[in-house]
Protein backbone atom coordinates (compact mmCIF):
# COMPACT_ATOMS: atom_id res chain seq x y z
CA MET A 1 0.00 0.00 0.00
CA ILE A 2 1.24 3.46 -0.81
CA ASP A 3 1.51 5.76 2.18
CA PRO A 4 0.15 9.28 1.45
CA LYS A 5 3.22 10.80 3.13
CA GLN A 6 5.44 8.97 0.64
CA LEU A 7 3.52 10.53 -2.23
CA LEU A 8 4.38 14.03 -1.02
CA SER A 9 8.07 13.39 -0.38
CA PHE A 10 10.73 12.39 -2.86
CA GLU A 11 12.52 9.96 -0.52
CA THR A 12 10.90 6.91 -2.10
CA MET A 13 9.95 6.30 -5.70
CA VAL A 14 6.30 5.72 -6.56
CA THR A 15 6.91 5.04 -10.25
CA PRO A 16 8.24 1.46 -9.82
CA LYS A 17 4.99 0.50 -8.08
CA LEU A 18 2.98 2.08 -10.87
CA ILE A 19 5.11 0.33 -13.49
CA THR A 20 4.27 -3.04 -11.95
CA ILE A 21 0.55 -2.28 -12.15
CA LEU A 22 0.92 -1.01 -15.70
CA TYR A 23 2.80 -4.18 -16.67
CA TRP A 24 -0.06 -6.40 -15.52
CA VAL A 25 -2.59 -4.19 -17.33
CA MET A 26 -0.52 -4.51 -20.50
CA LEU A 27 -0.45 -8.30 -20.13
CA VAL A 28 -4.24 -8.38 -19.90
CA ILE A 29 -4.46 -6.23 -23.03
CA ILE A 30 -2.01 -8.57 -24.79
CA VAL A 31 -4.12 -11.60 -23.91
CA ILE A 32 -7.27 -9.87 -25.20
CA ALA A 33 -5.47 -8.87 -28.41
CA GLY A 34 -4.12 -12.41 -28.74
CA ILE A 35 -7.58 -13.91 -28.41
CA ARG A 36 -8.86 -11.51 -31.08
CA SER A 37 -6.01 -12.45 -33.39
CA ILE A 38 -6.68 -16.16 -32.78
CA VAL A 39 -10.29 -15.60 -33.84
CA PHE A 40 -9.49 -13.53 -36.92
CA VAL A 41 -6.09 -14.86 -38.08
CA GLY A 42 -5.64 -18.33 -36.63
CA ILE A 43 -4.33 -20.23 -33.66
CA ILE A 44 -0.62 -20.37 -34.52
CA PRO A 45 -0.18 -16.69 -35.54
CA GLY A 46 -2.30 -15.60 -32.56
CA ILE A 47 -0.22 -17.53 -30.05
CA ILE A 48 3.04 -16.40 -31.66
CA SER A 49 1.93 -12.76 -31.59
CA MET A 50 0.89 -13.05 -27.93
CA VAL A 51 4.24 -14.52 -26.94
CA VAL A 52 6.24 -11.97 -28.94
CA MET A 53 4.24 -9.04 -27.57
CA ALA A 54 4.56 -10.33 -23.99
CA VAL A 55 8.33 -10.73 -24.35
CA VAL A 56 8.75 -7.26 -25.88
CA VAL A 57 6.65 -5.61 -23.18
CA ARG A 58 8.58 -7.49 -20.47
CA ILE A 59 11.92 -6.35 -21.90
CA LEU A 60 10.80 -2.73 -22.14
CA PHE A 61 9.47 -2.69 -18.58
CA GLU A 62 12.62 -4.39 -17.27
CA LEU A 63 14.78 -1.76 -18.96
CA THR A 64 12.69 0.93 -17.30
CA MET A 65 12.97 -0.76 -13.92
CA LEU A 66 16.72 -1.09 -14.44
CA ALA A 67 17.00 2.70 -14.40
CA PHE A 68 15.23 2.82 -11.04
CA LYS A 69 17.35 -0.01 -9.61
CA ASN A 70 20.49 1.82 -10.71
CA ASN A 71 19.22 4.85 -8.81
CA GLU A 72 18.70 2.74 -5.67
CA TYR A 73 22.17 1.20 -5.92
CA LEU A 74 23.73 4.61 -6.48
CA LYS A 75 21.92 5.90 -3.38
CA LYS A 76 23.30 2.97 -1.31
CA ILE A 77 26.83 3.66 -2.58
CA ALA A 78 26.50 7.34 -1.67
CA GLU A 79 25.27 6.47 1.83
CA ARG A 80 28.28 4.21 2.45
CA GLN A 81 30.76 6.97 1.70
């Protein structure tokens, strides 16, 4: 749960939590689009498109999260010095 005090301060990042929610929403959209493509195009192309879209979305979200993780690690390094 997100604490309202955290929303007003910049000590913790809210965006990584939102990215997780957005990732799951995107997966639901991908499944819906995959089902539509199975109906209109066929089973094999529909499944392939679902898998490819899910992998691409996962990679893009992981790259975004990597930037936030780098920020956390940099903050830990700065605190140690």
